[in-house]
C-alpha atoms as a PDB file:
ATOM      1  CA  MET A   1     -25.635  21.311  25.200  1.00  0.00           C
ATOM      2  CA  ASP A   2     -23.931  24.365  23.734  1.00  0.00           C
ATOM      3  CA  SER A   3     -22.871  24.710  20.111  1.00  0.00           C
ATOM      4  CA  ARG A   4     -19.178  24.221  20.917  1.00  0.00           C
ATOM      5  CA  GLY A   5     -19.786  20.760  22.338  1.00  0.00           C
ATOM      6  CA  SER A   6     -21.549  19.525  19.235  1.00  0.00           C
ATOM      7  CA  SER A   7     -18.796  20.985  17.059  1.00  0.00           C
ATOM      8  CA  ARG A   8     -16.161  19.051  19.012  1.00  0.00           C
ATOM      9  CA  ASP A   9     -18.212  15.863  18.711  1.00  0.00           C
ATOM     10  CA  LYS A  10     -18.413  16.306  14.937  1.00  0.00           C
ATOM     11  CA  LYS A  11     -14.644  16.850  14.655  1.00  0.00           C
ATOM     12  CA  SER A  12     -14.011  13.771  16.783  1.00  0.00           C
ATOM     13  CA  LYS A  13     -16.264  11.639  14.574  1.00  0.00           C
ATOM     14  CA  ASP A  14     -14.561  12.999  11.434  1.00  0.00           C
ATOM     15  CA  ASN A  15     -11.158  12.109  12.912  1.00  0.00           C
ATOM     16  CA  ASP A  16     -12.316   8.588  13.765  1.00  0.00           C
ATOM     17  CA  ARG A  17     -13.541   8.064  10.196  1.00  0.00           C
ATOM     18  CA  HIS A  18     -10.277   9.406   8.754  1.00  0.00           C
ATOM     19  CA  GLU A  19      -8.165   7.114  10.951  1.00  0.00           C
ATOM     20  CA  ALA A  20     -10.295   4.075  10.091  1.00  0.00           C
ATOM     21  CA  LYS A  21     -10.062   4.863   6.378  1.00  0.00           C
ATOM     22  CA  GLU A  22      -6.281   5.251   6.665  1.00  0.00           C
ATOM     23  CA  ALA A  23      -5.934   1.912   8.475  1.00  0.00           C
ATOM     24  CA  ASN A  24      -8.074   0.153   5.869  1.00  0.00           C
ATOM     25  CA  SER A  25      -6.030   1.680   3.058  1.00  0.00           C
ATOM     26  CA  THR A  26      -2.783   0.460   4.610  1.00  0.00           C
ATOM     27  CA  ALA A  27      -4.142  -3.044   5.135  1.00  0.00           C
ATOM     28  CA  GLN A  28      -5.438  -3.238   1.578  1.00  0.00           C
ATOM     29  CA  ASN A  29      -2.124  -2.120   0.115  1.00  0.00           C
ATOM     30  CA  PHE A  30      -0.171  -4.972   1.692  1.00  0.00           C
ATOM     31  CA  VAL A  31      -0.422  -7.992  -0.566  1.00  0.00           C
ATOM     32  CA  ASP A  32       1.438 -11.273  -0.206  1.00  0.00           C
ATOM     33  CA  PHE A  33       3.496 -12.315  -3.201  1.00  0.00           C
ATOM     34  CA  THR A  34       4.134 -15.933  -4.130  1.00  0.00           C
ATOM     35  CA  GLU A  35       7.711 -17.221  -4.291  1.00  0.00           C
ATOM     36  CA  ALA A  36       7.506 -17.224  -8.085  1.00  0.00           C
ATOM     37  CA  GLU A  37       6.347 -13.590  -8.087  1.00  0.00           C
ATOM     38  CA  GLU A  38       9.102 -12.590  -5.647  1.00  0.00           C
ATOM     39  CA  ASP A  39      11.690 -14.275  -7.849  1.00  0.00           C
ATOM     40  CA  LEU A  40      10.338 -12.585 -10.978  1.00  0.00           C
ATOM     41  CA  VAL A  41      10.289  -9.156  -9.314  1.00  0.00           C
ATOM     42  CA  SER A  42      13.904  -9.621  -8.158  1.00  0.00           C
ATOM     43  CA  ARG A  43      15.099 -10.737 -11.587  1.00  0.00           C
ATOM     44  CA  MET A  44      13.202  -7.991 -13.400  1.00  0.00           C
ATOM     45  CA  HIS A  45      14.464  -5.350 -10.964  1.00  0.00           C
ATOM     46  CA  ARG A  46      18.050  -6.382 -11.708  1.00  0.00           C
ATOM     47  CA  LEU A  47      17.328  -5.953 -15.421  1.00  0.00           C
ATOM     48  CA  VAL A  48      15.193  -2.803 -15.538  1.00  0.00           C
ATOM     49  CA  GLY A  49      15.554  -1.139 -12.134  1.00  0.00           C
ATOM     50  CA  ASN A  50      12.610   0.719 -10.596  1.00  0.00           C
ATOM     51  CA  ARG A  51      10.378   0.518 -13.672  1.00  0.00           C
ATOM     52  CA  TRP A  52       7.422  -0.786 -11.686  1.00  0.00           C
ATOM     53  CA  GLU A  53       4.896  -0.529 -14.550  1.00  0.00           C
ATOM     54  CA  LEU A  54       7.102  -2.711 -16.724  1.00  0.00           C
ATOM     55  CA  ILE A  55       7.645  -5.255 -13.947  1.00  0.00           C
ATOM     56  CA  ALA A  56       3.934  -5.335 -13.031  1.00  0.00           C
ATOM     57  CA  GLY A  57       3.097  -5.930 -16.687  1.00  0.00           C
ATOM     58  CA  ARG A  58       4.839  -9.304 -16.402  1.00  0.00           C
ATOM     59  CA  ILE A  59       2.814 -10.383 -13.359  1.00  0.00           C
ATOM     60  CA  PRO A  60      -0.886 -10.932 -14.131  1.00  0.00           C
ATOM     61  CA  GLY A  61      -3.183  -9.220 -11.640  1.00  0.00           C
ATOM     62  CA  ARG A  62      -0.488  -7.047 -10.037  1.00  0.00           C
ATOM     63  CA  THR A  63      -0.330  -3.275 -10.218  1.00  0.00           C
ATOM     64  CA  ALA A  64       2.805  -1.164 -10.302  1.00  0.00           C
ATOM     65  CA  GLU A  65       1.869   0.190  -6.866  1.00  0.00           C
ATOM     66  CA  GLU A  66       1.639  -3.323  -5.388  1.00  0.00           C
ATOM     67  CA  VAL A  67       4.998  -4.309  -6.867  1.00  0.00           C
ATOM     68  CA  GLU A  68       6.708  -1.146  -5.645  1.00  0.00           C
ATOM     69  CA  MET A  69       5.193  -1.512  -2.172  1.00  0.00           C
ATOM     70  CA  PHE A  70       6.274  -5.160  -2.004  1.00  0.00           C
ATOM     71  CA  TRP A  71       9.817  -4.223  -3.061  1.00  0.00           C
ATOM     72  CA  SER A  72      10.028  -1.352  -0.587  1.00  0.00           C
ATOM     73  CA  LYS A  73       8.757  -3.428   2.338  1.00  0.00           C
ATOM     74  CA  LYS A  74      11.039  -6.343   1.482  1.00  0.00           C
ATOM     75  CA  HIS A  75      14.120  -4.137   1.383  1.00  0.00           C
ATOM     76  CA  GLN A  76      13.079  -2.079   4.385  1.00  0.00           C
ATOM     77  CA  GLU A  77      13.285  -5.183   6.601  1.00  0.00           C
ATOM     78  CA  LYS A  78      16.919  -5.887   5.700  1.00  0.00           C
END
């Protein structure tokens, strides 16, 4: 096997790892919210707008990133 073949194989493996990591990251970032959490996010958003840190601070165990992602996905569907 020449050196170019092994180089292509390495790049292919690196690409596969990158794509798998990206897919895992996307799956991990999608989190279901309970009805109570959805209601709280909606009410807080009406009061304070896109202040995700402030909203997340009112929901134990939720990060600002999770709240913002939830909000974006919910409003993207409409």
